[in-house]
């Protein structure tokens, strides 16, 4: 059990951030032990052959694979520098990774088992060159394994942040932290995390705690205590539906409102942007927009702004129609 004392100032500075690197690192853990991350099996089966072909997974893979052990092994904190906000930028995060001090890299590697393989031994001997190679591997991994699904992942993470921010506003830090995960508990000004391999100092009136919603962290939580700010990556809500394809639009409903509009309602099990709906359905963005306008006028869809995005969701009336027509 890890115990982190949070000062009043640290509690006041709790913030959310979305991170590309967290998704990369957590997703490698999924590939290391897919049986323990069953919800992500459709994704793992799809991407693993391509990653193996690129030499990014398996015993002969490079640094990234060997730096991310199977759970619950120690994960080097330098892999996930504190993300800066809600608009993640892989290039900026990799720049922060490359800037890690050599002494920090070696100190974290000292926490790994002593029998280091050639990849980790080379990183220990020359951290600067090794971090450059690692950044290149992460870029390649991202293009193959995460980037194709990033729009839908990003929507889910943004939706989680919006819901958690409301919880923080309504119930305060205690209500928020006690609702994050079964391994996390807020008690007597202390954040308790049921986790190994983490020695966490108390957080004074500094930058506060960074909460990072993650798709691939499920079913556990991951924490970082080193560096400028402590971080806690937790599973975002709605992950169970992430890789599922929605049920086909019922023929009876399609006969009434048209197949295109029925298809959009079937896709809107979670809020989606016009661009994502176009990608999923194969319709043009203009066609999706026209259908959404008609569905809104009929009271079947509502659209709201989240940051710079407009997200549409089906209403209770639409839910009833889909159920009745199924």
C-alpha atoms as a PDB file:
ATOM      1  CA  UNK A   1       0.000   0.000   0.000  1.00  0.00           C
ATOM      2  CA  UNK A   2       1.314   3.418  -0.996  1.00  0.00           C
ATOM      3  CA  UNK A   3       0.371   6.419   1.158  1.00  0.00           C
ATOM      4  CA  UNK A   4       0.740   9.961  -0.203  1.00  0.00           C
ATOM      5  CA  UNK A   5      -0.044  12.877   2.071  1.00  0.00           C
ATOM      6  CA  UNK A   6      -1.589  15.799   0.204  1.00  0.00           C
ATOM      7  CA  UNK A   7      -1.339  19.274   1.672  1.00  0.00           C
ATOM      8  CA  UNK A   8      -4.233  21.692   1.311  1.00  0.00           C
ATOM      9  CA  UNK A   9      -2.322  23.448  -1.444  1.00  0.00           C
ATOM     10  CA  UNK A  10      -1.700  20.193  -3.285  1.00  0.00           C
ATOM     11  CA  UNK A  11      -5.377  19.254  -3.080  1.00  0.00           C
ATOM     12  CA  UNK A  12      -6.313  22.658  -4.485  1.00  0.00           C
ATOM     13  CA  UNK A  13      -3.980  22.021  -7.429  1.00  0.00           C
ATOM     14  CA  UNK A  14      -5.324  18.630  -8.485  1.00  0.00           C
ATOM     15  CA  UNK A  15      -5.504  18.710 -12.269  1.00  0.00           C
ATOM     16  CA  UNK A  16      -6.333  16.406 -15.156  1.00  0.00           C
ATOM     17  CA  UNK A  17      -4.129  15.694 -18.148  1.00  0.00           C
ATOM     18  CA  UNK A  18      -4.285  13.437 -21.201  1.00  0.00           C
ATOM     19  CA  UNK A  19      -1.086  11.735 -22.318  1.00  0.00           C
ATOM     20  CA  UNK A  20       0.043   9.910 -25.441  1.00  0.00           C
ATOM     21  CA  UNK A  21       2.997   8.372 -23.604  1.00  0.00           C
ATOM     22  CA  UNK A  22       0.809   6.951 -20.870  1.00  0.00           C
ATOM     23  CA  UNK A  23      -1.274   5.160 -23.504  1.00  0.00           C
ATOM     24  CA  UNK A  24       1.861   3.814 -25.197  1.00  0.00           C
ATOM     25  CA  UNK A  25       3.382   2.494 -21.978  1.00  0.00           C
ATOM     26  CA  UNK A  26       0.134   1.075 -20.619  1.00  0.00           C
ATOM     27  CA  UNK A  27      -0.685  -0.575 -23.938  1.00  0.00           C
ATOM     28  CA  UNK A  28       2.686  -2.359 -23.983  1.00  0.00           C
ATOM     29  CA  UNK A  29       1.725  -3.820 -20.592  1.00  0.00           C
ATOM     30  CA  UNK A  30      -1.485  -5.082 -22.203  1.00  0.00           C
ATOM     31  CA  UNK A  31       0.525  -6.836 -24.929  1.00  0.00           C
ATOM     32  CA  UNK A  32       2.816  -8.307 -22.284  1.00  0.00           C
ATOM     33  CA  UNK A  33      -0.122  -9.995 -20.559  1.00  0.00           C
ATOM     34  CA  UNK A  34      -3.269  -9.771 -22.727  1.00  0.00           C
ATOM     35  CA  UNK A  35      -5.044 -12.413 -20.671  1.00  0.00           C
ATOM     36  CA  UNK A  36      -5.126  -9.998 -17.729  1.00  0.00           C
ATOM     37  CA  UNK A  37      -6.591  -7.250 -19.935  1.00  0.00           C
ATOM     38  CA  UNK A  38      -9.385  -9.194 -21.629  1.00  0.00           C
ATOM     39  CA  UNK A  39     -11.351  -6.105 -22.635  1.00  0.00           C
ATOM     40  CA  UNK A  40      -8.473  -5.124 -24.935  1.00  0.00           C
ATOM     41  CA  UNK A  41      -8.088  -8.519 -26.648  1.00  0.00           C
ATOM     42  CA  UNK A  42      -9.689  -7.329 -29.936  1.00  0.00           C
ATOM     43  CA  UNK A  43      -7.131  -4.529 -30.118  1.00  0.00           C
ATOM     44  CA  UNK A  44      -4.213  -6.772 -29.097  1.00  0.00           C
ATOM     45  CA  UNK A  45      -5.039  -9.418 -31.705  1.00  0.00           C
ATOM     46  CA  UNK A  46      -5.255  -6.754 -34.386  1.00  0.00           C
ATOM     47  CA  UNK A  47      -2.026  -4.857 -33.679  1.00  0.00           C
ATOM     48  CA  UNK A  48       0.355  -7.492 -32.369  1.00  0.00           C
ATOM     49  CA  UNK A  49       1.244  -9.082 -35.747  1.00  0.00           C
ATOM     50  CA  UNK A  50       2.107  -5.672 -37.199  1.00  0.00           C
ATOM     51  CA  UNK A  51       4.190  -4.738 -34.164  1.00  0.00           C
ATOM     52  CA  UNK A  52       6.017  -8.077 -34.316  1.00  0.00           C
ATOM     53  CA  UNK A  53       6.789  -7.506 -37.995  1.00  0.00           C
ATOM     54  CA  UNK A  54       8.255  -4.102 -37.074  1.00  0.00           C
ATOM     55  CA  UNK A  55      10.406  -5.668 -34.329  1.00  0.00           C
ATOM     56  CA  UNK A  56       8.640  -3.779 -31.533  1.00  0.00           C
ATOM     57  CA  UNK A  57       7.346  -6.727 -29.461  1.00  0.00           C
ATOM     58  CA  UNK A  58       8.848 -10.050 -28.464  1.00  0.00           C
ATOM     59  CA  UNK A  59      12.166 -11.235 -27.007  1.00  0.00           C
ATOM     60  CA  UNK A  60      14.239  -9.664 -29.781  1.00  0.00           C
ATOM     61  CA  UNK A  61      12.472  -6.285 -29.591  1.00  0.00           C
ATOM     62  CA  UNK A  62      14.184  -3.050 -28.581  1.00  0.00           C
ATOM     63  CA  UNK A  63      14.148  -0.769 -25.565  1.00  0.00           C
ATOM     64  CA  UNK A  64      10.442  -0.058 -25.209  1.00  0.00           C
ATOM     65  CA  UNK A  65       9.495  -3.713 -24.879  1.00  0.00           C
ATOM     66  CA  UNK A  66      12.208  -4.408 -22.302  1.00  0.00           C
ATOM     67  CA  UNK A  67      11.512  -1.260 -20.286  1.00  0.00           C
ATOM     68  CA  UNK A  68       7.862  -2.228 -19.787  1.00  0.00           C
ATOM     69  CA  UNK A  69       7.710  -5.490 -17.801  1.00  0.00           C
ATOM     70  CA  UNK A  70       4.606  -7.618 -17.282  1.00  0.00           C
ATOM     71  CA  UNK A  71       2.455  -6.463 -14.344  1.00  0.00           C
ATOM     72  CA  UNK A  72       3.238  -5.979 -11.511  1.00  0.00           C
ATOM     73  CA  UNK A  73       6.881  -5.337 -12.409  1.00  0.00           C
ATOM     74  CA  UNK A  74       8.482  -1.965 -11.830  1.00  0.00           C
ATOM     75  CA  UNK A  75       7.914   0.599 -14.583  1.00  0.00           C
ATOM     76  CA  UNK A  76      10.557   3.325 -14.885  1.00  0.00           C
ATOM     77  CA  UNK A  77       9.082   6.704 -13.956  1.00  0.00           C
ATOM     78  CA  UNK A  78      11.092   8.524 -16.610  1.00  0.00           C
ATOM     79  CA  UNK A  79       8.937   6.859 -19.290  1.00  0.00           C
ATOM     80  CA  UNK A  80       5.994   9.091 -18.388  1.00  0.00           C
ATOM     81  CA  UNK A  81       7.068  12.703 -17.708  1.00  0.00           C
ATOM     82  CA  UNK A  82       4.192  14.814 -16.331  1.00  0.00           C
ATOM     83  CA  UNK A  83       1.760  15.686 -19.156  1.00  0.00           C
ATOM     84  CA  UNK A  84       0.947  19.357 -19.390  1.00  0.00           C
ATOM     85  CA  UNK A  85      -2.754  19.509 -20.205  1.00  0.00           C
ATOM     86  CA  UNK A  86      -5.768  18.190 -22.072  1.00  0.00           C
ATOM     87  CA  UNK A  87      -4.356  18.568 -25.593  1.00  0.00           C
ATOM     88  CA  UNK A  88      -1.727  15.815 -25.782  1.00  0.00           C
ATOM     89  CA  UNK A  89       1.178  16.164 -28.172  1.00  0.00           C
ATOM     90  CA  UNK A  90       3.349  13.097 -28.681  1.00  0.00           C
ATOM     91  CA  UNK A  91       6.258  15.148 -30.056  1.00  0.00           C
ATOM     92  CA  UNK A  92       6.300  17.406 -26.978  1.00  0.00           C
ATOM     93  CA  UNK A  93       6.114  14.428 -24.623  1.00  0.00           C
ATOM     94  CA  UNK A  94       8.971  12.720 -26.447  1.00  0.00           C
ATOM     95  CA  UNK A  95      11.046  15.898 -26.182  1.00  0.00           C
ATOM     96  CA  UNK A  96      10.538  15.802 -22.402  1.00  0.00           C
ATOM     97  CA  UNK A  97      11.516  12.124 -22.386  1.00  0.00           C
ATOM     98  CA  UNK A  98      14.711  12.810 -24.343  1.00  0.00           C
ATOM     99  CA  UNK A  99      15.597  15.570 -21.869  1.00  0.00           C
ATOM    100  CA  UNK A 100      15.662  13.175 -18.895  1.00  0.00           C
ATOM    101  CA  UNK A 101      18.904  13.552 -16.957  1.00  0.00           C
ATOM    102  CA  UNK A 102      21.290  10.576 -17.325  1.00  0.00           C
ATOM    103  CA  UNK A 103      21.509  10.166 -13.540  1.00  0.00           C
ATOM    104  CA  UNK A 104      17.709   9.869 -13.388  1.00  0.00           C
ATOM    105  CA  UNK A 105      17.676   7.204 -16.089  1.00  0.00           C
ATOM    106  CA  UNK A 106      20.341   5.180 -14.299  1.00  0.00           C
ATOM    107  CA  UNK A 107      18.650   5.567 -10.914  1.00  0.00           C
ATOM    108  CA  UNK A 108      15.407   4.184 -12.311  1.00  0.00           C
ATOM    109  CA  UNK A 109      17.169   1.357 -14.140  1.00  0.00           C
ATOM    110  CA  UNK A 110      18.833   0.399 -10.860  1.00  0.00           C
ATOM    111  CA  UNK A 111      15.369  -0.616  -9.654  1.00  0.00           C
ATOM    112  CA  UNK A 112      15.097  -3.250 -12.398  1.00  0.00           C
ATOM    113  CA  UNK A 113      16.458  -6.770 -11.904  1.00  0.00           C
ATOM    114  CA  UNK A 114      20.254  -6.756 -12.042  1.00  0.00           C
ATOM    115  CA  UNK A 115      20.469  -9.181 -14.965  1.00  0.00           C
ATOM    116  CA  UNK A 116      19.889  -6.505 -17.606  1.00  0.00           C
ATOM    117  CA  UNK A 117      19.712  -7.575 -21.224  1.00  0.00           C
ATOM    118  CA  UNK A 118      21.736  -5.881 -23.967  1.00  0.00           C
ATOM    119  CA  UNK A 119      19.094  -3.217 -24.673  1.00  0.00           C
ATOM    120  CA  UNK A 120      18.867  -1.992 -21.062  1.00  0.00           C
ATOM    121  CA  UNK A 121      22.631  -2.307 -20.574  1.00  0.00           C
ATOM    122  CA  UNK A 122      23.207  -0.018 -23.574  1.00  0.00           C
ATOM    123  CA  UNK A 123      20.712   2.513 -22.213  1.00  0.00           C
ATOM    124  CA  UNK A 124      22.451   2.452 -18.828  1.00  0.00           C
ATOM    125  CA  UNK A 125      25.860   3.001 -20.430  1.00  0.00           C
ATOM    126  CA  UNK A 126      24.728   5.898 -22.654  1.00  0.00           C
ATOM    127  CA  UNK A 127      21.348   7.305 -21.557  1.00  0.00           C
ATOM    128  CA  UNK A 128      21.368  10.196 -24.027  1.00  0.00           C
ATOM    129  CA  UNK A 129      21.798   7.977 -27.093  1.00  0.00           C
ATOM    130  CA  UNK A 130      19.463   5.360 -25.646  1.00  0.00           C
ATOM    131  CA  UNK A 131      16.669   7.851 -25.077  1.00  0.00           C
ATOM    132  CA  UNK A 132      16.961   8.925 -28.701  1.00  0.00           C
ATOM    133  CA  UNK A 133      16.510   5.309 -29.830  1.00  0.00           C
ATOM    134  CA  UNK A 134      13.636   4.859 -27.401  1.00  0.00           C
ATOM    135  CA  UNK A 135      11.833   7.929 -28.765  1.00  0.00           C
ATOM    136  CA  UNK A 136      12.140   6.551 -32.308  1.00  0.00           C
ATOM    137  CA  UNK A 137      10.700   3.216 -31.186  1.00  0.00           C
ATOM    138  CA  UNK A 138       7.797   4.950 -29.448  1.00  0.00           C
ATOM    139  CA  UNK A 139       7.007   6.957 -32.579  1.00  0.00           C
ATOM    140  CA  UNK A 140       6.924   3.754 -34.645  1.00  0.00           C
ATOM    141  CA  UNK A 141       4.829   1.955 -32.024  1.00  0.00           C
ATOM    142  CA  UNK A 142       2.384   4.873 -31.892  1.00  0.00           C
ATOM    143  CA  UNK A 143       1.861   4.883 -35.664  1.00  0.00           C
ATOM    144  CA  UNK A 144       1.078   1.161 -35.729  1.00  0.00           C
ATOM    145  CA  UNK A 145      -0.715   0.461 -32.466  1.00  0.00           C
ATOM    146  CA  UNK A 146      -2.374   3.629 -31.169  1.00  0.00           C
ATOM    147  CA  UNK A 147      -2.732   6.336 -33.834  1.00  0.00           C
ATOM    148  CA  UNK A 148      -5.403   4.514 -35.906  1.00  0.00           C
ATOM    149  CA  UNK A 149      -7.676   4.344 -32.835  1.00  0.00           C
ATOM    150  CA  UNK A 150      -6.624   7.625 -31.237  1.00  0.00           C
ATOM    151  CA  UNK A 151      -9.729   9.651 -32.287  1.00  0.00           C
ATOM    152  CA  UNK A 152     -12.100   7.268 -30.503  1.00  0.00           C
ATOM    153  CA  UNK A 153      -9.707   6.868 -27.536  1.00  0.00           C
ATOM    154  CA  UNK A 154      -9.399  10.632 -27.240  1.00  0.00           C
ATOM    155  CA  UNK A 155     -13.179  11.103 -27.205  1.00  0.00           C
ATOM    156  CA  UNK A 156     -13.511   8.583 -24.387  1.00  0.00           C
ATOM    157  CA  UNK A 157     -10.722  10.238 -22.362  1.00  0.00           C
ATOM    158  CA  UNK A 158     -12.208  13.711 -22.863  1.00  0.00           C
ATOM    159  CA  UNK A 159     -15.630  12.466 -21.773  1.00  0.00           C
ATOM    160  CA  UNK A 160     -14.113  10.982 -18.617  1.00  0.00           C
ATOM    161  CA  UNK A 161     -12.345  14.232 -17.740  1.00  0.00           C
ATOM    162  CA  UNK A 162     -15.596  16.164 -18.144  1.00  0.00           C
ATOM    163  CA  UNK A 163     -17.454  13.754 -15.850  1.00  0.00           C
ATOM    164  CA  UNK A 164     -14.685  13.728 -13.223  1.00  0.00           C
ATOM    165  CA  UNK A 165     -14.406  17.515 -13.272  1.00  0.00           C
ATOM    166  CA  UNK A 166     -18.099  17.740 -12.490  1.00  0.00           C
ATOM    167  CA  UNK A 167     -17.618  15.281  -9.640  1.00  0.00           C
ATOM    168  CA  UNK A 168     -14.767  17.409  -8.261  1.00  0.00           C
ATOM    169  CA  UNK A 169     -16.925  20.543  -8.435  1.00  0.00           C
ATOM    170  CA  UNK A 170     -19.895  18.851  -6.759  1.00  0.00           C
ATOM    171  CA  UNK A 171     -18.235  16.617  -4.155  1.00  0.00           C
ATOM    172  CA  UNK A 172     -14.721  17.997  -3.662  1.00  0.00           C
ATOM    173  CA  UNK A 173     -11.399  16.161  -3.752  1.00  0.00           C
ATOM    174  CA  UNK A 174     -12.549  13.358  -1.453  1.00  0.00           C
ATOM    175  CA  UNK A 175     -15.552  12.520  -3.598  1.00  0.00           C
ATOM    176  CA  UNK A 176     -13.436  12.586  -6.749  1.00  0.00           C
ATOM    177  CA  UNK A 177     -10.539  10.474  -5.447  1.00  0.00           C
ATOM    178  CA  UNK A 178     -12.738   7.871  -3.774  1.00  0.00           C
ATOM    179  CA  UNK A 179     -14.585   7.381  -7.061  1.00  0.00           C
ATOM    180  CA  UNK A 180     -11.506   6.799  -9.252  1.00  0.00           C
ATOM    181  CA  UNK A 181     -10.805   3.097  -8.681  1.00  0.00           C
ATOM    182  CA  UNK A 182     -11.139   0.340  -6.098  1.00  0.00           C
ATOM    183  CA  UNK A 183      -7.366   0.517  -5.471  1.00  0.00           C
ATOM    184  CA  UNK A 184      -7.538   4.225  -4.596  1.00  0.00           C
ATOM    185  CA  UNK A 185      -8.826   5.645  -1.334  1.00  0.00           C
ATOM    186  CA  UNK A 186      -8.784   9.163   0.145  1.00  0.00           C
ATOM    187  CA  UNK A 187      -8.664   9.097   3.918  1.00  0.00           C
ATOM    188  CA  UNK A 188      -7.478  11.583   6.567  1.00  0.00           C
ATOM    189  CA  UNK A 189      -5.737  13.878   4.045  1.00  0.00           C
ATOM    190  CA  UNK A 190      -3.882  10.871   2.616  1.00  0.00           C
ATOM    191  CA  UNK A 191      -4.187   9.235  -0.783  1.00  0.00           C
ATOM    192  CA  UNK A 192      -3.896   5.461  -0.359  1.00  0.00           C
ATOM    193  CA  UNK A 193      -3.033   3.367  -3.426  1.00  0.00           C
ATOM    194  CA  UNK A 194      -2.967  -0.428  -3.268  1.00  0.00           C
ATOM    195  CA  UNK A 195       0.117  -0.837  -5.439  1.00  0.00           C
ATOM    196  CA  UNK A 196       3.638  -2.208  -5.322  1.00  0.00           C
ATOM    197  CA  UNK A 197       6.902  -0.706  -6.583  1.00  0.00           C
ATOM    198  CA  UNK A 198       6.158   2.868  -5.592  1.00  0.00           C
ATOM    199  CA  UNK A 199       7.814   4.900  -2.848  1.00  0.00           C
ATOM    200  CA  UNK A 200       5.878   8.137  -2.783  1.00  0.00           C
ATOM    201  CA  UNK A 201       6.796  11.228  -0.768  1.00  0.00           C
ATOM    202  CA  UNK A 202       4.112  13.526   0.557  1.00  0.00           C
ATOM    203  CA  UNK A 203       3.028  16.292  -1.795  1.00  0.00           C
ATOM    204  CA  UNK A 204       3.527  19.747  -0.330  1.00  0.00           C
ATOM    205  CA  UNK A 205       2.265  23.087  -1.688  1.00  0.00           C
ATOM    206  CA  UNK A 206       3.789  22.407  -5.082  1.00  0.00           C
ATOM    207  CA  UNK A 207       2.309  21.470  -8.431  1.00  0.00           C
ATOM    208  CA  UNK A 208      -0.281  19.126  -6.960  1.00  0.00           C
ATOM    209  CA  UNK A 209      -1.461  15.740  -8.186  1.00  0.00           C
ATOM    210  CA  UNK A 210      -1.914  14.990 -11.899  1.00  0.00           C
ATOM    211  CA  UNK A 211      -4.808  12.633 -12.688  1.00  0.00           C
ATOM    212  CA  UNK A 212      -4.411  10.906 -16.064  1.00  0.00           C
ATOM    213  CA  UNK A 213      -7.388   9.011 -17.505  1.00  0.00           C
ATOM    214  CA  UNK A 214      -6.190   6.038 -19.527  1.00  0.00           C
ATOM    215  CA  UNK A 215      -7.717   3.402 -21.752  1.00  0.00           C
ATOM    216  CA  UNK A 216      -4.953   0.826 -21.459  1.00  0.00           C
ATOM    217  CA  UNK A 217      -4.335   1.173 -17.702  1.00  0.00           C
ATOM    218  CA  UNK A 218      -7.430  -0.976 -17.130  1.00  0.00           C
ATOM    219  CA  UNK A 219      -8.005  -2.945 -14.935  1.00  0.00           C
ATOM    220  CA  UNK A 220      -5.465  -1.416 -12.545  1.00  0.00           C
ATOM    221  CA  UNK A 221      -4.002   1.994 -11.758  1.00  0.00           C
ATOM    222  CA  UNK A 222      -0.455   3.206 -12.356  1.00  0.00           C
ATOM    223  CA  UNK A 223       1.332   5.877 -10.366  1.00  0.00           C
ATOM    224  CA  UNK A 224       4.481   7.962 -10.632  1.00  0.00           C
ATOM    225  CA  UNK A 225       5.969   9.677  -7.620  1.00  0.00           C
ATOM    226  CA  UNK A 226       9.287  10.883  -9.050  1.00  0.00           C
ATOM    227  CA  UNK A 227       9.816  14.086 -11.001  1.00  0.00           C
ATOM    228  CA  UNK A 228       8.118  17.439 -10.774  1.00  0.00           C
ATOM    229  CA  UNK A 229       4.603  16.226  -9.981  1.00  0.00           C
ATOM    230  CA  UNK A 230       3.078  12.931  -8.790  1.00  0.00           C
ATOM    231  CA  UNK A 231       0.802  11.247 -11.312  1.00  0.00           C
ATOM    232  CA  UNK A 232      -1.995   8.731 -11.060  1.00  0.00           C
ATOM    233  CA  UNK A 233      -3.190   7.021 -14.241  1.00  0.00           C
ATOM    234  CA  UNK A 234      -6.594   5.392 -13.807  1.00  0.00           C
ATOM    235  CA  UNK A 235      -9.005   3.573 -16.168  1.00  0.00           C
ATOM    236  CA  UNK A 236     -11.382   5.921 -17.933  1.00  0.00           C
ATOM    237  CA  UNK A 237     -15.076   5.155 -17.903  1.00  0.00           C
ATOM    238  CA  UNK A 238     -16.654   3.397 -20.873  1.00  0.00           C
ATOM    239  CA  UNK A 239     -13.681   1.201 -21.814  1.00  0.00           C
ATOM    240  CA  UNK A 240     -15.867  -1.893 -22.060  1.00  0.00           C
ATOM    241  CA  UNK A 241     -17.516  -0.542 -25.215  1.00  0.00           C
ATOM    242  CA  UNK A 242     -14.377   0.840 -26.837  1.00  0.00           C
ATOM    243  CA  UNK A 243     -13.602  -2.071 -29.179  1.00  0.00           C
ATOM    244  CA  UNK A 244     -17.166  -3.244 -29.702  1.00  0.00           C
ATOM    245  CA  UNK A 245     -18.920  -2.505 -32.933  1.00  0.00           C
ATOM    246  CA  UNK A 246     -22.461  -1.245 -32.344  1.00  0.00           C
ATOM    247  CA  UNK A 247     -25.399  -3.421 -33.227  1.00  0.00           C
ATOM    248  CA  UNK A 248     -26.674  -2.988 -36.753  1.00  0.00           C
ATOM    249  CA  UNK A 249     -29.477  -0.504 -37.169  1.00  0.00           C
ATOM    250  CA  UNK A 250     -32.823  -2.349 -36.887  1.00  0.00           C
ATOM    251  CA  UNK A 251     -34.503  -2.785 -40.263  1.00  0.00           C
ATOM    252  CA  UNK A 252     -37.849  -1.636 -38.840  1.00  0.00           C
ATOM    253  CA  UNK A 253     -36.366   1.674 -37.692  1.00  0.00           C
ATOM    254  CA  UNK A 254     -34.434   2.109 -40.959  1.00  0.00           C
ATOM    255  CA  UNK A 255     -37.707   1.727 -42.859  1.00  0.00           C
ATOM    256  CA  UNK A 256     -39.158   4.668 -40.929  1.00  0.00           C
ATOM    257  CA  UNK A 257     -36.287   7.181 -40.670  1.00  0.00           C
ATOM    258  CA  UNK A 258     -33.906   5.936 -43.360  1.00  0.00           C
ATOM    259  CA  UNK A 259     -30.956   3.580 -43.153  1.00  0.00           C
ATOM    260  CA  UNK A 260     -28.341   6.331 -42.810  1.00  0.00           C
ATOM    261  CA  UNK A 261     -30.057   8.002 -39.870  1.00  0.00           C
ATOM    262  CA  UNK A 262     -30.770   4.667 -38.209  1.00  0.00           C
ATOM    263  CA  UNK A 263     -27.092   3.751 -38.603  1.00  0.00           C
ATOM    264  CA  UNK A 264     -26.027   6.984 -36.915  1.00  0.00           C
ATOM    265  CA  UNK A 265     -28.340   6.335 -33.976  1.00  0.00           C
ATOM    266  CA  UNK A 266     -26.887   2.842 -33.619  1.00  0.00           C
ATOM    267  CA  UNK A 267     -23.360   4.282 -33.562  1.00  0.00           C
ATOM    268  CA  UNK A 268     -24.187   6.883 -30.921  1.00  0.00           C
ATOM    269  CA  UNK A 269     -23.964   4.560 -27.926  1.00  0.00           C
ATOM    270  CA  UNK A 270     -21.467   7.150 -26.633  1.00  0.00           C
ATOM    271  CA  UNK A 271     -21.036  10.811 -27.645  1.00  0.00           C
ATOM    272  CA  UNK A 272     -19.181  11.162 -30.951  1.00  0.00           C
ATOM    273  CA  UNK A 273     -18.030  13.957 -33.219  1.00  0.00           C
ATOM    274  CA  UNK A 274     -19.180  14.366 -36.816  1.00  0.00           C
ATOM    275  CA  UNK A 275     -15.695  13.406 -38.003  1.00  0.00           C
ATOM    276  CA  UNK A 276     -15.692  10.175 -35.991  1.00  0.00           C
ATOM    277  CA  UNK A 277     -19.187   9.289 -37.168  1.00  0.00           C
ATOM    278  CA  UNK A 278     -18.080   9.808 -40.760  1.00  0.00           C
ATOM    279  CA  UNK A 279     -15.068   7.576 -40.191  1.00  0.00           C
ATOM    280  CA  UNK A 280     -17.141   4.820 -38.635  1.00  0.00           C
ATOM    281  CA  UNK A 281     -19.984   4.837 -41.156  1.00  0.00           C
ATOM    282  CA  UNK A 282     -18.175   5.705 -44.378  1.00  0.00           C
ATOM    283  CA  UNK A 283     -20.508   8.655 -44.953  1.00  0.00           C
ATOM    284  CA  UNK A 284     -19.187  12.083 -45.851  1.00  0.00           C
ATOM    285  CA  UNK A 285     -18.911  14.603 -43.025  1.00  0.00           C
ATOM    286  CA  UNK A 286     -21.472  16.752 -44.824  1.00  0.00           C
ATOM    287  CA  UNK A 287     -23.888  13.847 -45.074  1.00  0.00           C
ATOM    288  CA  UNK A 288     -23.493  13.046 -41.386  1.00  0.00           C
ATOM    289  CA  UNK A 289     -24.093  16.694 -40.513  1.00  0.00           C
ATOM    290  CA  UNK A 290     -27.320  16.781 -42.541  1.00  0.00           C
ATOM    291  CA  UNK A 291     -28.618  13.611 -40.909  1.00  0.00           C
ATOM    292  CA  UNK A 292     -27.746  14.907 -37.430  1.00  0.00           C
ATOM    293  CA  UNK A 293     -29.640  18.133 -38.117  1.00  0.00           C
ATOM    294  CA  UNK A 294     -32.759  16.126 -38.969  1.00  0.00           C
ATOM    295  CA  UNK A 295     -32.315  13.843 -35.951  1.00  0.00           C
ATOM    296  CA  UNK A 296     -31.908  16.841 -33.625  1.00  0.00           C
ATOM    297  CA  UNK A 297     -35.082  18.410 -35.020  1.00  0.00           C
ATOM    298  CA  UNK A 298     -36.934  15.169 -34.276  1.00  0.00           C
ATOM    299  CA  UNK A 299     -35.634  15.076 -30.695  1.00  0.00           C
ATOM    300  CA  UNK A 300     -33.556  11.954 -31.290  1.00  0.00           C
ATOM    301  CA  UNK A 301     -30.105  13.516 -30.924  1.00  0.00           C
ATOM    302  CA  UNK A 302     -28.607  16.272 -28.790  1.00  0.00           C
ATOM    303  CA  UNK A 303     -25.320  18.031 -29.545  1.00  0.00           C
ATOM    304  CA  UNK A 304     -23.115  19.828 -27.051  1.00  0.00           C
ATOM    305  CA  UNK A 305     -19.681  21.407 -27.070  1.00  0.00           C
ATOM    306  CA  UNK A 306     -16.761  19.800 -25.251  1.00  0.00           C
ATOM    307  CA  UNK A 307     -13.704  22.011 -25.555  1.00  0.00           C
ATOM    308  CA  UNK A 308     -13.261  22.654 -29.258  1.00  0.00           C
ATOM    309  CA  UNK A 309     -15.360  19.660 -30.320  1.00  0.00           C
ATOM    310  CA  UNK A 310     -19.086  19.260 -30.918  1.00  0.00           C
ATOM    311  CA  UNK A 311     -20.282  15.863 -29.703  1.00  0.00           C
ATOM    312  CA  UNK A 312     -23.638  14.304 -30.511  1.00  0.00           C
ATOM    313  CA  UNK A 313     -25.488  11.729 -28.416  1.00  0.00           C
ATOM    314  CA  UNK A 314     -28.814   9.990 -28.775  1.00  0.00           C
ATOM    315  CA  UNK A 315     -31.684  10.939 -26.478  1.00  0.00           C
ATOM    316  CA  UNK A 316     -33.937   8.755 -24.335  1.00  0.00           C
ATOM    317  CA  UNK A 317     -36.516   8.872 -27.133  1.00  0.00           C
ATOM    318  CA  UNK A 318     -33.938   7.423 -29.537  1.00  0.00           C
ATOM    319  CA  UNK A 319     -33.017   4.731 -26.996  1.00  0.00           C
ATOM    320  CA  UNK A 320     -36.673   3.752 -26.774  1.00  0.00           C
ATOM    321  CA  UNK A 321     -37.010   3.601 -30.566  1.00  0.00           C
ATOM    322  CA  UNK A 322     -33.939   1.415 -30.928  1.00  0.00           C
ATOM    323  CA  UNK A 323     -35.141  -0.949 -28.207  1.00  0.00           C
ATOM    324  CA  UNK A 324     -38.641  -1.197 -29.646  1.00  0.00           C
ATOM    325  CA  UNK A 325     -37.369  -1.852 -33.173  1.00  0.00           C
ATOM    326  CA  UNK A 326     -34.735  -4.426 -32.161  1.00  0.00           C
END
